[in-house]
Amino acid sequence: MDWKYLLTSYQGRINRAKFWAGIGILIATGIVINILDAALGLHIGEHPIGILAIVSMPFYIFLALALYTKRWHDRDKSGWWSLIGLVPVIGGVWLLVELGILEGTRGANRFGPDPLA
């Protein structure tokens, strides 16, 4: 698997398995960063978030949006649909269903060839 393409490119399509693999990588590295924050005493006052987590947040947003965009492309929709995640509660559920559960468009679409072909 091309991890650089998976996590940094906003072009093309990915299937559900690659999407979940990318999400798993983001979660695992997020846990490591939080452990490092705790171990190094980098937490801000009584808050549960640390300095490393705050500094890495824009990077994580970039990576997550790359995953989301390619998955939306597989569903034959614009990556701008990622903005639905900003809607409280419903947005998160919508993202989970559309990107993580529903099958992508079979065959080629306007965003590229079928990633399962």
PDB file of N, CA and C in Angstrom:
ATOM      1  N   MET A   1       0.854  -1.183   0.000  1.00  0.00           N
ATOM      2  CA  MET A   1       0.000   0.000   0.000  1.00  0.00           C
ATOM      3  C   MET A   1       0.895   1.240   0.000  1.00  0.00           C
ATOM      4  N   ASP A   2       0.544   2.207  -0.812  1.00  0.00           N
ATOM      5  CA  ASP A   2       1.288   3.461  -0.899  1.00  0.00           C
ATOM      6  C   ASP A   2       0.777   4.411   0.187  1.00  0.00           C
ATOM      7  N   TRP A   3       1.463   4.426   1.333  1.00  0.00           N
ATOM      8  CA  TRP A   3       1.011   5.213   2.486  1.00  0.00           C
ATOM      9  C   TRP A   3       1.068   6.708   2.210  1.00  0.00           C
ATOM     10  N   LYS A   4       2.076   7.144   1.446  1.00  0.00           N
ATOM     11  CA  LYS A   4       2.185   8.573   1.135  1.00  0.00           C
ATOM     12  C   LYS A   4       0.956   9.030   0.346  1.00  0.00           C
ATOM     13  N   TYR A   5       0.584   8.254  -0.675  1.00  0.00           N
ATOM     14  CA  TYR A   5      -0.609   8.579  -1.461  1.00  0.00           C
ATOM     15  C   TYR A   5      -1.852   8.528  -0.573  1.00  0.00           C
ATOM     16  N   LEU A   6      -1.960   7.485   0.231  1.00  0.00           N
ATOM     17  CA  LEU A   6      -3.139   7.291   1.064  1.00  0.00           C
ATOM     18  C   LEU A   6      -3.367   8.472   2.002  1.00  0.00           C
ATOM     19  N   LEU A   7      -2.299   8.964   2.614  1.00  0.00           N
ATOM     20  CA  LEU A   7      -2.452   9.974   3.661  1.00  0.00           C
ATOM     21  C   LEU A   7      -2.250  11.420   3.206  1.00  0.00           C
ATOM     22  N   THR A   8      -1.699  11.639   2.024  1.00  0.00           N
ATOM     23  CA  THR A   8      -1.408  13.033   1.653  1.00  0.00           C
ATOM     24  C   THR A   8      -2.058  13.515   0.361  1.00  0.00           C
ATOM     25  N   SER A   9      -2.480  12.607  -0.506  1.00  0.00           N
ATOM     26  CA  SER A   9      -3.050  13.024  -1.783  1.00  0.00           C
ATOM     27  C   SER A   9      -4.555  13.276  -1.662  1.00  0.00           C
ATOM     28  N   TYR A  10      -5.011  14.284  -2.365  1.00  0.00           N
ATOM     29  CA  TYR A  10      -6.440  14.588  -2.415  1.00  0.00           C
ATOM     30  C   TYR A  10      -7.050  14.134  -3.743  1.00  0.00           C
ATOM     31  N   GLN A  11      -6.283  13.397  -4.532  1.00  0.00           N
ATOM     32  CA  GLN A  11      -6.723  12.940  -5.853  1.00  0.00           C
ATOM     33  C   GLN A  11      -7.028  11.452  -5.825  1.00  0.00           C
ATOM     34  N   GLY A  12      -7.977  11.027  -6.637  1.00  0.00           N
ATOM     35  CA  GLY A  12      -8.258   9.612  -6.804  1.00  0.00           C
ATOM     36  C   GLY A  12      -9.297   9.070  -5.836  1.00  0.00           C
ATOM     37  N   ARG A  13      -9.300   7.742  -5.716  1.00  0.00           N
ATOM     38  CA  ARG A  13     -10.307   7.033  -4.925  1.00  0.00           C
ATOM     39  C   ARG A  13      -9.641   5.980  -4.048  1.00  0.00           C
ATOM     40  N   ILE A  14     -10.257   5.685  -2.914  1.00  0.00           N
ATOM     41  CA  ILE A  14      -9.824   4.565  -2.078  1.00  0.00           C
ATOM     42  C   ILE A  14     -11.062   3.791  -1.628  1.00  0.00           C
ATOM     43  N   ASN A  15     -10.873   2.513  -1.377  1.00  0.00           N
ATOM     44  CA  ASN A  15     -11.990   1.691  -0.903  1.00  0.00           C
ATOM     45  C   ASN A  15     -12.101   1.784   0.622  1.00  0.00           C
ATOM     46  N   ARG A  16     -13.082   1.103   1.177  1.00  0.00           N
ATOM     47  CA  ARG A  16     -13.325   1.165   2.623  1.00  0.00           C
ATOM     48  C   ARG A  16     -12.161   0.608   3.433  1.00  0.00           C
ATOM     49  N   ALA A  17     -11.547  -0.467   2.961  1.00  0.00           N
ATOM     50  CA  ALA A  17     -10.447  -1.087   3.705  1.00  0.00           C
ATOM     51  C   ALA A  17      -9.276  -0.120   3.861  1.00  0.00           C
ATOM     52  N   LYS A  18      -8.922   0.563   2.781  1.00  0.00           N
ATOM     53  CA  LYS A  18      -7.823   1.528   2.861  1.00  0.00           C
ATOM     54  C   LYS A  18      -8.214   2.726   3.720  1.00  0.00           C
ATOM     55  N   PHE A  19      -9.469   3.128   3.639  1.00  0.00           N
ATOM     56  CA  PHE A  19      -9.958   4.219   4.481  1.00  0.00           C
ATOM     57  C   PHE A  19      -9.781   3.863   5.956  1.00  0.00           C
ATOM     58  N   TRP A  20     -10.236   2.665   6.351  1.00  0.00           N
ATOM     59  CA  TRP A  20     -10.135   2.256   7.752  1.00  0.00           C
ATOM     60  C   TRP A  20      -8.689   2.050   8.172  1.00  0.00           C
ATOM     61  N   ALA A  21      -7.835   1.604   7.252  1.00  0.00           N
ATOM     62  CA  ALA A  21      -6.407   1.473   7.561  1.00  0.00           C
ATOM     63  C   ALA A  21      -5.809   2.847   7.869  1.00  0.00           C
ATOM     64  N   GLY A  22      -6.164   3.836   7.063  1.00  0.00           N
ATOM     65  CA  GLY A  22      -5.682   5.200   7.297  1.00  0.00           C
ATOM     66  C   GLY A  22      -6.195   5.771   8.610  1.00  0.00           C
ATOM     67  N   ILE A  23      -7.468   5.551   8.900  1.00  0.00           N
ATOM     68  CA  ILE A  23      -8.042   6.011  10.166  1.00  0.00           C
ATOM     69  C   ILE A  23      -7.330   5.328  11.331  1.00  0.00           C
ATOM     70  N   GLY A  24      -7.033   4.040  11.190  1.00  0.00           N
ATOM     71  CA  GLY A  24      -6.308   3.307  12.235  1.00  0.00           C
ATOM     72  C   GLY A  24      -4.935   3.899  12.502  1.00  0.00           C
ATOM     73  N   ILE A  25      -4.237   4.277  11.438  1.00  0.00           N
ATOM     74  CA  ILE A  25      -2.922   4.911  11.581  1.00  0.00           C
ATOM     75  C   ILE A  25      -3.053   6.235  12.331  1.00  0.00           C
ATOM     76  N   LEU A  26      -4.057   7.037  11.971  1.00  0.00           N
ATOM     77  CA  LEU A  26      -4.254   8.324  12.650  1.00  0.00           C
ATOM     78  C   LEU A  26      -4.573   8.133  14.129  1.00  0.00           C
ATOM     79  N   ILE A  27      -5.412   7.161  14.445  1.00  0.00           N
ATOM     80  CA  ILE A  27      -5.761   6.902  15.843  1.00  0.00           C
ATOM     81  C   ILE A  27      -4.533   6.417  16.618  1.00  0.00           C
ATOM     82  N   ALA A  28      -3.789   5.491  16.040  1.00  0.00           N
ATOM     83  CA  ALA A  28      -2.609   4.944  16.723  1.00  0.00           C
ATOM     84  C   ALA A  28      -1.559   6.024  16.994  1.00  0.00           C
ATOM     85  N   THR A  29      -1.296   6.858  16.001  1.00  0.00           N
ATOM     86  CA  THR A  29      -0.300   7.913  16.222  1.00  0.00           C
ATOM     87  C   THR A  29      -0.823   8.969  17.194  1.00  0.00           C
ATOM     88  N   GLY A  30      -2.123   9.202  17.189  1.00  0.00           N
ATOM     89  CA  GLY A  30      -2.710  10.127  18.163  1.00  0.00           C
ATOM     90  C   GLY A  30      -2.542   9.618  19.590  1.00  0.00           C
ATOM     91  N   ILE A  31      -2.715   8.317  19.781  1.00  0.00           N
ATOM     92  CA  ILE A  31      -2.526   7.719  21.106  1.00  0.00           C
ATOM     93  C   ILE A  31      -1.077   7.865  21.548  1.00  0.00           C
ATOM     94  N   VAL A  32      -0.143   7.604  20.619  1.00  0.00           N
ATOM     95  CA  VAL A  32       1.281   7.740  20.941  1.00  0.00           C
ATOM     96  C   VAL A  32       1.606   9.179  21.332  1.00  0.00           C
ATOM     97  N   ILE A  33       1.069  10.139  20.603  1.00  0.00           N
ATOM     98  CA  ILE A  33       1.322  11.547  20.922  1.00  0.00           C
ATOM     99  C   ILE A  33       0.773  11.900  22.301  1.00  0.00           C
ATOM    100  N   ASN A  34      -0.407  11.411  22.632  1.00  0.00           N
ATOM    101  CA  ASN A  34      -0.976  11.684  23.956  1.00  0.00           C
ATOM    102  C   ASN A  34      -0.162  11.030  25.063  1.00  0.00           C
ATOM    103  N   ILE A  35       0.354   9.828  24.815  1.00  0.00           N
ATOM    104  CA  ILE A  35       1.211   9.165  25.798  1.00  0.00           C
ATOM    105  C   ILE A  35       2.498   9.964  25.992  1.00  0.00           C
ATOM    106  N   LEU A  36       3.089  10.438  24.895  1.00  0.00           N
ATOM    107  CA  LEU A  36       4.294  11.267  24.994  1.00  0.00           C
ATOM    108  C   LEU A  36       4.008  12.561  25.759  1.00  0.00           C
ATOM    109  N   ASP A  37       2.881  13.189  25.481  1.00  0.00           N
ATOM    110  CA  ASP A  37       2.500  14.401  26.221  1.00  0.00           C
ATOM    111  C   ASP A  37       2.444  14.124  27.722  1.00  0.00           C
ATOM    112  N   ALA A  38       1.824  13.008  28.077  1.00  0.00           N
ATOM    113  CA  ALA A  38       1.692  12.653  29.495  1.00  0.00           C
ATOM    114  C   ALA A  38       3.047  12.304  30.095  1.00  0.00           C
ATOM    115  N   ALA A  39       3.847  11.515  29.382  1.00  0.00           N
ATOM    116  CA  ALA A  39       5.146  11.076  29.900  1.00  0.00           C
ATOM    117  C   ALA A  39       6.122  12.236  30.066  1.00  0.00           C
ATOM    118  N   LEU A  40       6.047  13.187  29.160  1.00  0.00           N
ATOM    119  CA  LEU A  40       6.963  14.336  29.220  1.00  0.00           C
ATOM    120  C   LEU A  40       6.399  15.486  30.038  1.00  0.00           C
ATOM    121  N   GLY A  41       5.196  15.312  30.557  1.00  0.00           N
ATOM    122  CA  GLY A  41       4.580  16.363  31.369  1.00  0.00           C
ATOM    123  C   GLY A  41       4.232  17.608  30.576  1.00  0.00           C
ATOM    124  N   LEU A  42       3.804  17.423  29.331  1.00  0.00           N
ATOM    125  CA  LEU A  42       3.520  18.559  28.450  1.00  0.00           C
ATOM    126  C   LEU A  42       2.053  18.959  28.430  1.00  0.00           C
ATOM    127  N   HIS A  43       1.268  18.444  29.363  1.00  0.00           N
ATOM    128  CA  HIS A  43      -0.139  18.825  29.423  1.00  0.00           C
ATOM    129  C   HIS A  43      -0.259  20.251  29.934  1.00  0.00           C
ATOM    130  N   ILE A  44      -1.260  20.940  29.454  1.00  0.00           N
ATOM    131  CA  ILE A  44      -1.459  22.343  29.795  1.00  0.00           C
ATOM    132  C   ILE A  44      -2.372  22.428  31.008  1.00  0.00           C
ATOM    133  N   GLY A  45      -1.803  22.724  32.156  1.00  0.00           N
ATOM    134  CA  GLY A  45      -2.586  22.849  33.387  1.00  0.00           C
ATOM    135  C   GLY A  45      -3.341  21.569  33.683  1.00  0.00           C
ATOM    136  N   GLU A  46      -4.630  21.705  33.943  1.00  0.00           N
ATOM    137  CA  GLU A  46      -5.486  20.549  34.259  1.00  0.00           C
ATOM    138  C   GLU A  46      -6.151  19.961  33.017  1.00  0.00           C
ATOM    139  N   HIS A  47      -5.876  20.538  31.861  1.00  0.00           N
ATOM    140  CA  HIS A  47      -6.520  20.094  30.624  1.00  0.00           C
ATOM    141  C   HIS A  47      -5.935  18.768  30.152  1.00  0.00           C
ATOM    142  N   PRO A  48      -6.759  17.911  29.564  1.00  0.00           N
ATOM    143  CA  PRO A  48      -6.274  16.590  29.116  1.00  0.00           C
ATOM    144  C   PRO A  48      -5.481  16.643  27.816  1.00  0.00           C
ATOM    145  N   ILE A  49      -5.428  17.780  27.143  1.00  0.00           N
ATOM    146  CA  ILE A  49      -4.697  17.876  25.879  1.00  0.00           C
ATOM    147  C   ILE A  49      -3.325  18.491  26.134  1.00  0.00           C
ATOM    148  N   GLY A  50      -2.341  17.989  25.421  1.00  0.00           N
ATOM    149  CA  GLY A  50      -0.981  18.454  25.618  1.00  0.00           C
ATOM    150  C   GLY A  50      -0.466  19.279  24.460  1.00  0.00           C
ATOM    151  N   ILE A  51       0.730  19.787  24.634  1.00  0.00           N
ATOM    152  CA  ILE A  51       1.343  20.670  23.641  1.00  0.00           C
ATOM    153  C   ILE A  51       1.589  19.935  22.323  1.00  0.00           C
ATOM    154  N   LEU A  52       2.102  18.700  22.390  1.00  0.00           N
ATOM    155  CA  LEU A  52       2.344  17.948  21.150  1.00  0.00           C
ATOM    156  C   LEU A  52       1.041  17.707  20.385  1.00  0.00           C
ATOM    157  N   ALA A  53      -0.031  17.427  21.103  1.00  0.00           N
ATOM    158  CA  ALA A  53      -1.326  17.213  20.454  1.00  0.00           C
ATOM    159  C   ALA A  53      -1.803  18.486  19.763  1.00  0.00           C
ATOM    160  N   ILE A  54      -1.632  19.611  20.406  1.00  0.00           N
ATOM    161  CA  ILE A  54      -2.062  20.886  19.815  1.00  0.00           C
ATOM    162  C   ILE A  54      -1.235  21.213  18.574  1.00  0.00           C
ATOM    163  N   VAL A  55       0.068  21.015  18.675  1.00  0.00           N
ATOM    164  CA  VAL A  55       0.957  21.325  17.552  1.00  0.00           C
ATOM    165  C   VAL A  55       0.684  20.400  16.361  1.00  0.00           C
ATOM    166  N   SER A  56       0.351  19.139  16.618  1.00  0.00           N
ATOM    167  CA  SER A  56       0.130  18.190  15.531  1.00  0.00           C
ATOM    168  C   SER A  56      -1.282  18.249  14.940  1.00  0.00           C
ATOM    169  N   MET A  57      -2.192  18.961  15.574  1.00  0.00           N
ATOM    170  CA  MET A  57      -3.591  18.992  15.131  1.00  0.00           C
ATOM    171  C   MET A  57      -3.769  19.437  13.669  1.00  0.00           C
ATOM    172  N   PRO A  58      -3.134  20.520  13.197  1.00  0.00           N
ATOM    173  CA  PRO A  58      -3.323  20.887  11.777  1.00  0.00           C
ATOM    174  C   PRO A  58      -2.858  19.786  10.824  1.00  0.00           C
ATOM    175  N   PHE A  59      -1.780  19.115  11.186  1.00  0.00           N
ATOM    176  CA  PHE A  59      -1.266  18.007  10.379  1.00  0.00           C
ATOM    177  C   PHE A  59      -2.284  16.876  10.319  1.00  0.00           C
ATOM    178  N   TYR A  60      -2.891  16.535  11.451  1.00  0.00           N
ATOM    179  CA  TYR A  60      -3.902  15.483  11.490  1.00  0.00           C
ATOM    180  C   TYR A  60      -5.140  15.864  10.698  1.00  0.00           C
ATOM    181  N   ILE A  61      -5.535  17.098  10.740  1.00  0.00           N
ATOM    182  CA  ILE A  61      -6.690  17.557   9.965  1.00  0.00           C
ATOM    183  C   ILE A  61      -6.405  17.394   8.468  1.00  0.00           C
ATOM    184  N   PHE A  62      -5.200  17.778   8.057  1.00  0.00           N
ATOM    185  CA  PHE A  62      -4.793  17.628   6.654  1.00  0.00           C
ATOM    186  C   PHE A  62      -4.867  16.163   6.217  1.00  0.00           C
ATOM    187  N   LEU A  63      -4.311  15.264   7.047  1.00  0.00           N
ATOM    188  CA  LEU A  63      -4.305  13.838   6.709  1.00  0.00           C
ATOM    189  C   LEU A  63      -5.718  13.261   6.672  1.00  0.00           C
ATOM    190  N   ALA A  64      -6.537  13.612   7.653  1.00  0.00           N
ATOM    191  CA  ALA A  64      -7.913  13.103   7.702  1.00  0.00           C
ATOM    192  C   ALA A  64      -8.708  13.589   6.494  1.00  0.00           C
ATOM    193  N   LEU A  65      -8.550  14.850   6.138  1.00  0.00           N
ATOM    194  CA  LEU A  65      -9.278  15.377   4.979  1.00  0.00           C
ATOM    195  C   LEU A  65      -8.836  14.708   3.680  1.00  0.00           C
ATOM    196  N   ALA A  66      -7.571  14.320   3.590  1.00  0.00           N
ATOM    197  CA  ALA A  66      -7.106  13.592   2.399  1.00  0.00           C
ATOM    198  C   ALA A  66      -7.816  12.234   2.312  1.00  0.00           C
ATOM    199  N   LEU A  67      -7.922  11.544   3.445  1.00  0.00           N
ATOM    200  CA  LEU A  67      -8.644  10.267   3.469  1.00  0.00           C
ATOM    201  C   LEU A  67     -10.110  10.463   3.115  1.00  0.00           C
ATOM    202  N   TYR A  68     -10.740  11.436   3.751  1.00  0.00           N
ATOM    203  CA  TYR A  68     -12.165  11.694   3.520  1.00  0.00           C
ATOM    204  C   TYR A  68     -12.424  12.024   2.053  1.00  0.00           C
ATOM    205  N   THR A  69     -11.589  12.879   1.479  1.00  0.00           N
ATOM    206  CA  THR A  69     -11.798  13.323   0.102  1.00  0.00           C
ATOM    207  C   THR A  69     -11.743  12.140  -0.867  1.00  0.00           C
ATOM    208  N   LYS A  70     -10.722  11.306  -0.719  1.00  0.00           N
ATOM    209  CA  LYS A  70     -10.619  10.158  -1.626  1.00  0.00           C
ATOM    210  C   LYS A  70     -11.776   9.191  -1.432  1.00  0.00           C
ATOM    211  N   ARG A  71     -12.255   9.061  -0.215  1.00  0.00           N
ATOM    212  CA  ARG A  71     -13.393   8.171   0.035  1.00  0.00           C
ATOM    213  C   ARG A  71     -14.677   8.760  -0.552  1.00  0.00           C
ATOM    214  N   TRP A  72     -14.855  10.089  -0.427  1.00  0.00           N
ATOM    215  CA  TRP A  72     -16.017  10.740  -1.072  1.00  0.00           C
ATOM    216  C   TRP A  72     -15.941  10.539  -2.581  1.00  0.00           C
ATOM    217  N   HIS A  73     -14.726  10.641  -3.137  1.00  0.00           N
ATOM    218  CA  HIS A  73     -14.561  10.426  -4.571  1.00  0.00           C
ATOM    219  C   HIS A  73     -14.994   9.022  -4.954  1.00  0.00           C
ATOM    220  N   ASP A  74     -14.700   8.036  -4.103  1.00  0.00           N
ATOM    221  CA  ASP A  74     -15.124   6.672  -4.386  1.00  0.00           C
ATOM    222  C   ASP A  74     -16.647   6.554  -4.382  1.00  0.00           C
ATOM    223  N   ARG A  75     -17.306   7.412  -3.626  1.00  0.00           N
ATOM    224  CA  ARG A  75     -18.775   7.445  -3.587  1.00  0.00           C
ATOM    225  C   ARG A  75     -19.332   8.332  -4.701  1.00  0.00           C
ATOM    226  N   ASP A  76     -18.437   8.855  -5.582  1.00  0.00           N
ATOM    227  CA  ASP A  76     -18.780   9.739  -6.706  1.00  0.00           C
ATOM    228  C   ASP A  76     -19.360  11.065  -6.228  1.00  0.00           C
ATOM    229  N   LYS A  77     -18.774  11.592  -5.159  1.00  0.00           N
ATOM    230  CA  LYS A  77     -19.180  12.892  -4.624  1.00  0.00           C
ATOM    231  C   LYS A  77     -17.931  13.748  -4.409  1.00  0.00           C
ATOM    232  N   SER A  78     -18.125  15.041  -4.367  1.00  0.00           N
ATOM    233  CA  SER A  78     -17.035  15.977  -4.148  1.00  0.00           C
ATOM    234  C   SER A  78     -16.474  15.834  -2.734  1.00  0.00           C
ATOM    235  N   GLY A  79     -15.184  16.088  -2.596  1.00  0.00           N
ATOM    236  CA  GLY A  79     -14.548  16.077  -1.284  1.00  0.00           C
ATOM    237  C   GLY A  79     -15.105  17.139  -0.355  1.00  0.00           C
ATOM    238  N   TRP A  80     -15.772  18.132  -0.916  1.00  0.00           N
ATOM    239  CA  TRP A  80     -16.387  19.187  -0.095  1.00  0.00           C
ATOM    240  C   TRP A  80     -17.465  18.627   0.824  1.00  0.00           C
ATOM    241  N   TRP A  81     -17.952  17.413   0.540  1.00  0.00           N
ATOM    242  CA  TRP A  81     -18.933  16.788   1.415  1.00  0.00           C
ATOM    243  C   TRP A  81     -18.361  16.556   2.812  1.00  0.00           C
ATOM    244  N   SER A  82     -17.045  16.632   2.944  1.00  0.00           N
ATOM    245  CA  SER A  82     -16.421  16.474   4.269  1.00  0.00           C
ATOM    246  C   SER A  82     -16.931  17.522   5.250  1.00  0.00           C
ATOM    247  N   LEU A  83     -17.387  18.648   4.726  1.00  0.00           N
ATOM    248  CA  LEU A  83     -17.903  19.714   5.591  1.00  0.00           C
ATOM    249  C   LEU A  83     -19.155  19.291   6.358  1.00  0.00           C
ATOM    250  N   ILE A  84     -19.806  18.206   5.933  1.00  0.00           N
ATOM    251  CA  ILE A  84     -20.986  17.720   6.649  1.00  0.00           C
ATOM    252  C   ILE A  84     -20.598  17.327   8.076  1.00  0.00           C
ATOM    253  N   GLY A  85     -19.340  17.012   8.284  1.00  0.00           N
ATOM    254  CA  GLY A  85     -18.852  16.665   9.614  1.00  0.00           C
ATOM    255  C   GLY A  85     -18.929  17.803  10.612  1.00  0.00           C
ATOM    256  N   LEU A  86     -19.106  19.015  10.131  1.00  0.00           N
ATOM    257  CA  LEU A  86     -19.219  20.177  11.028  1.00  0.00           C
ATOM    258  C   LEU A  86     -20.597  20.286  11.664  1.00  0.00           C
ATOM    259  N   VAL A  87     -21.574  19.548  11.135  1.00  0.00           N
ATOM    260  CA  VAL A  87     -22.924  19.561  11.703  1.00  0.00           C
ATOM    261  C   VAL A  87     -22.912  18.672  12.950  1.00  0.00           C
ATOM    262  N   PRO A  88     -23.268  19.210  14.115  1.00  0.00           N
ATOM    263  CA  PRO A  88     -23.219  18.408  15.339  1.00  0.00           C
ATOM    264  C   PRO A  88     -24.053  17.126  15.236  1.00  0.00           C
ATOM    265  N   VAL A  89     -23.527  16.060  15.755  1.00  0.00           N
ATOM    266  CA  VAL A  89     -24.100  14.723  15.845  1.00  0.00           C
ATOM    267  C   VAL A  89     -24.420  14.131  14.466  1.00  0.00           C
ATOM    268  N   ILE A  90     -25.340  14.722  13.737  1.00  0.00           N
ATOM    269  CA  ILE A  90     -25.758  14.178  12.444  1.00  0.00           C
ATOM    270  C   ILE A  90     -24.581  14.105  11.474  1.00  0.00           C
ATOM    271  N   GLY A  91     -23.717  15.110  11.498  1.00  0.00           N
ATOM    272  CA  GLY A  91     -22.574  15.131  10.591  1.00  0.00           C
ATOM    273  C   GLY A  91     -21.636  13.958  10.811  1.00  0.00           C
ATOM    274  N   GLY A  92     -21.339  13.654  12.061  1.00  0.00           N
ATOM    275  CA  GLY A  92     -20.461  12.529  12.370  1.00  0.00           C
ATOM    276  C   GLY A  92     -21.062  11.196  11.964  1.00  0.00           C
ATOM    277  N   VAL A  93     -22.347  11.051  12.201  1.00  0.00           N
ATOM    278  CA  VAL A  93     -23.041   9.817  11.813  1.00  0.00           C
ATOM    279  C   VAL A  93     -23.048   9.694  10.292  1.00  0.00           C
ATOM    280  N   TRP A  94     -23.320  10.794   9.607  1.00  0.00           N
ATOM    281  CA  TRP A  94     -23.343  10.808   8.142  1.00  0.00           C
ATOM    282  C   TRP A  94     -21.972  10.383   7.590  1.00  0.00           C
ATOM    283  N   LEU A  95     -20.897  10.968   8.146  1.00  0.00           N
ATOM    284  CA  LEU A  95     -19.552  10.600   7.704  1.00  0.00           C
ATOM    285  C   LEU A  95     -19.286   9.116   7.930  1.00  0.00           C
ATOM    286  N   LEU A  96     -19.641   8.619   9.094  1.00  0.00           N
ATOM    287  CA  LEU A  96     -19.413   7.209   9.401  1.00  0.00           C
ATOM    288  C   LEU A  96     -20.133   6.300   8.402  1.00  0.00           C
ATOM    289  N   VAL A  97     -21.381   6.603   8.133  1.00  0.00           N
ATOM    290  CA  VAL A  97     -22.168   5.762   7.219  1.00  0.00           C
ATOM    291  C   VAL A  97     -21.646   5.872   5.791  1.00  0.00           C
ATOM    292  N   GLU A  98     -21.526   7.086   5.283  1.00  0.00           N
ATOM    293  CA  GLU A  98     -21.120   7.294   3.885  1.00  0.00           C
ATOM    294  C   GLU A  98     -19.697   6.797   3.612  1.00  0.00           C
ATOM    295  N   LEU A  99     -18.758   7.137   4.489  1.00  0.00           N
ATOM    296  CA  LEU A  99     -17.359   6.830   4.213  1.00  0.00           C
ATOM    297  C   LEU A  99     -16.916   5.478   4.743  1.00  0.00           C
ATOM    298  N   GLY A 100     -17.465   5.073   5.871  1.00  0.00           N
ATOM    299  CA  GLY A 100     -16.977   3.865   6.502  1.00  0.00           C
ATOM    300  C   GLY A 100     -17.795   2.621   6.264  1.00  0.00           C
ATOM    301  N   ILE A 101     -19.048   2.774   5.854  1.00  0.00           N
ATOM    302  CA  ILE A 101     -19.923   1.607   5.738  1.00  0.00           C
ATOM    303  C   ILE A 101     -20.390   1.359   4.305  1.00  0.00           C
ATOM    304  N   LEU A 102     -20.859   2.400   3.626  1.00  0.00           N
ATOM    305  CA  LEU A 102     -21.423   2.204   2.282  1.00  0.00           C
ATOM    306  C   LEU A 102     -20.340   1.903   1.248  1.00  0.00           C
ATOM    307  N   GLU A 103     -20.710   1.067   0.288  1.00  0.00           N
ATOM    308  CA  GLU A 103     -19.814   0.675  -0.794  1.00  0.00           C
ATOM    309  C   GLU A 103     -19.607   1.841  -1.763  1.00  0.00           C
ATOM    310  N   GLY A 104     -18.456   1.880  -2.391  1.00  0.00           N
ATOM    311  CA  GLY A 104     -18.171   2.906  -3.378  1.00  0.00           C
ATOM    312  C   GLY A 104     -18.858   2.617  -4.696  1.00  0.00           C
ATOM    313  N   THR A 105     -18.754   3.566  -5.617  1.00  0.00           N
ATOM    314  CA  THR A 105     -19.317   3.416  -6.949  1.00  0.00           C
ATOM    315  C   THR A 105     -18.579   2.306  -7.684  1.00  0.00           C
ATOM    316  N   ARG A 106     -19.327   1.391  -8.274  1.00  0.00           N
ATOM    317  CA  ARG A 106     -18.706   0.320  -9.048  1.00  0.00           C
ATOM    318  C   ARG A 106     -18.252   0.857 -10.399  1.00  0.00           C
ATOM    319  N   GLY A 107     -17.081   0.434 -10.819  1.00  0.00           N
ATOM    320  CA  GLY A 107     -16.531   0.887 -12.088  1.00  0.00           C
ATOM    321  C   GLY A 107     -15.927   2.276 -11.968  1.00  0.00           C
ATOM    322  N   ALA A 108     -15.430   2.759 -13.081  1.00  0.00           N
ATOM    323  CA  ALA A 108     -14.809   4.083 -13.110  1.00  0.00           C
ATOM    324  C   ALA A 108     -15.870   5.164 -12.920  1.00  0.00           C
ATOM    325  N   ASN A 109     -15.463   6.254 -12.313  1.00  0.00           N
ATOM    326  CA  ASN A 109     -16.320   7.434 -12.228  1.00  0.00           C
ATOM    327  C   ASN A 109     -15.472   8.660 -12.556  1.00  0.00           C
ATOM    328  N   ARG A 110     -15.994   9.837 -12.384  1.00  0.00           N
ATOM    329  CA  ARG A 110     -15.291  11.054 -12.793  1.00  0.00           C
ATOM    330  C   ARG A 110     -14.009  11.291 -12.003  1.00  0.00           C
ATOM    331  N   PHE A 111     -13.799  10.555 -10.890  1.00  0.00           N
ATOM    332  CA  PHE A 111     -12.621  10.749 -10.058  1.00  0.00           C
ATOM    333  C   PHE A 111     -11.542   9.694 -10.297  1.00  0.00           C
ATOM    334  N   GLY A 112     -11.830   8.715 -11.139  1.00  0.00           N
ATOM    335  CA  GLY A 112     -10.811   7.725 -11.453  1.00  0.00           C
ATOM    336  C   GLY A 112     -11.373   6.316 -11.546  1.00  0.00           C
ATOM    337  N   PRO A 113     -10.470   5.362 -11.735  1.00  0.00           N
ATOM    338  CA  PRO A 113     -10.894   3.958 -11.868  1.00  0.00           C
ATOM    339  C   PRO A 113     -11.336   3.385 -10.512  1.00  0.00           C
ATOM    340  N   ASP A 114     -12.073   2.311 -10.581  1.00  0.00           N
ATOM    341  CA  ASP A 114     -12.545   1.603  -9.392  1.00  0.00           C
ATOM    342  C   ASP A 114     -11.332   1.064  -8.617  1.00  0.00           C
ATOM    343  N   PRO A 115     -11.194   1.429  -7.331  1.00  0.00           N
ATOM    344  CA  PRO A 115     -10.038   0.942  -6.565  1.00  0.00           C
ATOM    345  C   PRO A 115     -10.077  -0.561  -6.309  1.00  0.00           C
ATOM    346  N   LEU A 116     -11.204  -1.206  -6.512  1.00  0.00           N
ATOM    347  CA  LEU A 116     -11.305  -2.650  -6.316  1.00  0.00           C
ATOM    348  C   LEU A 116     -11.082  -3.431  -7.593  1.00  0.00           C
ATOM    349  N   ALA A 117     -10.993  -2.723  -8.726  1.00  0.00           N
ATOM    350  CA  ALA A 117     -10.823  -3.401 -10.021  1.00  0.00           C
ATOM    351  C   ALA A 117      -9.385  -3.819 -10.241  1.00  0.00           C
TER     352      ALA A 117
END
